[in-house]
Amino acid sequence: MGKRKSRTKPPPRKRRDKLDTVFSCPFCNHGTSVECKIDMKNLIGEASCRICEESFSTTVTALTEPIDIYSEWIDECERVNNLEDDGAE
C-alpha cells in the first residue's frame, strides 16, 4: 500500500518594509517637511520643503522612488558646496 501525499504549506512571504516618502530638509533641517512627488506623465520628480519652500526637480524613470529624488537632491547640494569650497581656496 502506498503512502498518502502530505500537503506542504507554502513558505511564508517575506515582508518588505515601506520606504519613506517624507524627509528632513537639507536647508532648514525641519523634520518631515520635504515631500517628493513623481509625475510619470511628464517624467519629472519634484522634492519641495513646506517650511522654507526650497525645491528640487529631476527627470525620473519607471523605477524611480521618492527616496531616489531626495538622494539626488542631497548629492546635488553636496556637489555645489564642494565647488564653492574649491573656488574659495
C-alpha atoms as a PDB file:
ATOM      1  CA  MET A   1       0.000   0.000   0.000  1.00  0.00           C
ATOM      2  CA  GLY A   2       1.190   3.451  -0.834  1.00  0.00           C
ATOM      3  CA  LYS A   3       1.506   6.404   1.489  1.00  0.00           C
ATOM      4  CA  ARG A   4      -0.721   9.412   1.195  1.00  0.00           C
ATOM      5  CA  LYS A   5       0.875  12.576  -0.032  1.00  0.00           C
ATOM      6  CA  SER A   6       1.323  15.133   2.691  1.00  0.00           C
ATOM      7  CA  ARG A   7       0.314  18.684   1.995  1.00  0.00           C
ATOM      8  CA  THR A   8       3.168  21.072   2.452  1.00  0.00           C
ATOM      9  CA  LYS A   9       2.482  24.655   3.374  1.00  0.00           C
ATOM     10  CA  PRO A  10       3.930  27.293   1.072  1.00  0.00           C
ATOM     11  CA  PRO A  11       6.805  29.240   2.614  1.00  0.00           C
ATOM     12  CA  PRO A  12       5.737  32.499   4.243  1.00  0.00           C
ATOM     13  CA  ARG A  13       6.259  35.607   2.162  1.00  0.00           C
ATOM     14  CA  LYS A  14       8.958  37.976   3.267  1.00  0.00           C
ATOM     15  CA  ARG A  15       7.602  41.305   4.395  1.00  0.00           C
ATOM     16  CA  ARG A  16       9.177  44.279   2.658  1.00  0.00           C
ATOM     17  CA  ASP A  17       9.482  47.450   4.667  1.00  0.00           C
ATOM     18  CA  LYS A  18       7.972  50.551   3.109  1.00  0.00           C
ATOM     19  CA  LEU A  19      10.362  53.312   2.049  1.00  0.00           C
ATOM     20  CA  ASP A  20       9.910  56.812   3.401  1.00  0.00           C
ATOM     21  CA  THR A  21       8.090  59.420   1.332  1.00  0.00           C
ATOM     22  CA  VAL A  22       8.702  62.450   3.591  1.00  0.00           C
ATOM     23  CA  PHE A  23      12.165  63.595   4.637  1.00  0.00           C
ATOM     24  CA  SER A  24      14.017  66.308   6.546  1.00  0.00           C
ATOM     25  CA  CYS A  25      15.014  69.458   4.670  1.00  0.00           C
ATOM     26  CA  PRO A  26      18.752  69.944   3.989  1.00  0.00           C
ATOM     27  CA  PHE A  27      18.363  73.733   4.255  1.00  0.00           C
ATOM     28  CA  CYS A  28      16.124  74.363   7.279  1.00  0.00           C
ATOM     29  CA  ASN A  29      16.684  70.942   8.983  1.00  0.00           C
ATOM     30  CA  HIS A  30      12.975  70.676   9.737  1.00  0.00           C
ATOM     31  CA  GLY A  31      11.974  67.022  10.049  1.00  0.00           C
ATOM     32  CA  THR A  32       9.292  65.557   7.774  1.00  0.00           C
ATOM     33  CA  SER A  33       8.863  68.762   5.785  1.00  0.00           C
ATOM     34  CA  VAL A  34      10.084  67.574   2.371  1.00  0.00           C
ATOM     35  CA  GLU A  35       7.567  65.793   0.173  1.00  0.00           C
ATOM     36  CA  CYS A  36       8.506  64.062  -3.057  1.00  0.00           C
ATOM     37  CA  LYS A  37       6.067  63.960  -5.953  1.00  0.00           C
ATOM     38  CA  ILE A  38       6.516  61.957  -9.135  1.00  0.00           C
ATOM     39  CA  ASP A  39       4.770  62.963 -12.359  1.00  0.00           C
ATOM     40  CA  MET A  40       5.091  59.945 -14.641  1.00  0.00           C
ATOM     41  CA  LYS A  41       3.169  61.676 -17.423  1.00  0.00           C
ATOM     42  CA  ASN A  42       5.906  64.315 -17.839  1.00  0.00           C
ATOM     43  CA  LEU A  43       8.717  62.162 -16.320  1.00  0.00           C
ATOM     44  CA  ILE A  44       9.504  64.782 -13.664  1.00  0.00           C
ATOM     45  CA  GLY A  45      10.141  64.210  -9.982  1.00  0.00           C
ATOM     46  CA  GLU A  46       9.997  67.106  -7.536  1.00  0.00           C
ATOM     47  CA  ALA A  47      11.055  67.385  -3.906  1.00  0.00           C
ATOM     48  CA  SER A  48       9.898  70.504  -2.071  1.00  0.00           C
ATOM     49  CA  CYS A  49      10.029  71.754   1.510  1.00  0.00           C
ATOM     50  CA  ARG A  50       6.800  73.079   3.021  1.00  0.00           C
ATOM     51  CA  ILE A  51       8.635  75.258   5.558  1.00  0.00           C
ATOM     52  CA  CYS A  52      11.382  77.099   3.644  1.00  0.00           C
ATOM     53  CA  GLU A  53       9.856  76.463   0.177  1.00  0.00           C
ATOM     54  CA  GLU A  54      13.110  75.165  -1.336  1.00  0.00           C
ATOM     55  CA  SER A  55      12.568  72.741  -4.193  1.00  0.00           C
ATOM     56  CA  PHE A  56      14.453  70.410  -6.498  1.00  0.00           C
ATOM     57  CA  SER A  57      13.276  68.710  -9.675  1.00  0.00           C
ATOM     58  CA  THR A  58      14.822  65.992 -11.782  1.00  0.00           C
ATOM     59  CA  THR A  59      13.948  63.561 -14.541  1.00  0.00           C
ATOM     60  CA  VAL A  60      12.596  60.173 -13.478  1.00  0.00           C
ATOM     61  CA  THR A  61      12.188  56.694 -14.906  1.00  0.00           C
ATOM     62  CA  ALA A  62       9.626  53.998 -14.242  1.00  0.00           C
ATOM     63  CA  LEU A  63      11.800  52.602 -11.434  1.00  0.00           C
ATOM     64  CA  THR A  64      12.321  55.902  -9.571  1.00  0.00           C
ATOM     65  CA  GLU A  65      11.105  56.107  -5.973  1.00  0.00           C
ATOM     66  CA  PRO A  66      10.761  59.211  -3.755  1.00  0.00           C
ATOM     67  CA  ILE A  67      13.935  58.279  -1.860  1.00  0.00           C
ATOM     68  CA  ASP A  68      15.839  58.438  -5.164  1.00  0.00           C
ATOM     69  CA  ILE A  69      14.715  62.012  -5.793  1.00  0.00           C
ATOM     70  CA  TYR A  70      15.656  63.070  -2.254  1.00  0.00           C
ATOM     71  CA  SER A  71      19.062  61.362  -2.573  1.00  0.00           C
ATOM     72  CA  GLU A  72      19.755  63.171  -5.833  1.00  0.00           C
ATOM     73  CA  TRP A  73      18.879  66.470  -4.126  1.00  0.00           C
ATOM     74  CA  ILE A  74      21.306  65.767  -1.270  1.00  0.00           C
ATOM     75  CA  ASP A  75      24.030  64.754  -3.754  1.00  0.00           C
ATOM     76  CA  GLU A  76      23.492  67.951  -5.747  1.00  0.00           C
ATOM     77  CA  CYS A  77      23.712  70.067  -2.578  1.00  0.00           C
ATOM     78  CA  GLU A  78      26.999  68.395  -1.632  1.00  0.00           C
ATOM     79  CA  ARG A  79      28.369  68.853  -5.151  1.00  0.00           C
ATOM     80  CA  VAL A  80      27.534  72.575  -5.143  1.00  0.00           C
ATOM     81  CA  ASN A  81      29.045  73.016  -1.671  1.00  0.00           C
ATOM     82  CA  ASN A  82      32.256  71.283  -2.768  1.00  0.00           C
ATOM     83  CA  LEU A  83      32.514  73.523  -5.846  1.00  0.00           C
ATOM     84  CA  GLU A  84      32.109  76.621  -3.663  1.00  0.00           C
ATOM     85  CA  ASP A  85      34.777  75.369  -1.240  1.00  0.00           C
ATOM     86  CA  ASP A  86      37.216  74.692  -4.081  1.00  0.00           C
ATOM     87  CA  GLY A  87      36.614  78.131  -5.579  1.00  0.00           C
ATOM     88  CA  ALA A  88      37.183  79.921  -2.251  1.00  0.00           C
ATOM     89  CA  GLU A  89      40.653  78.471  -1.750  1.00  0.00           C
END
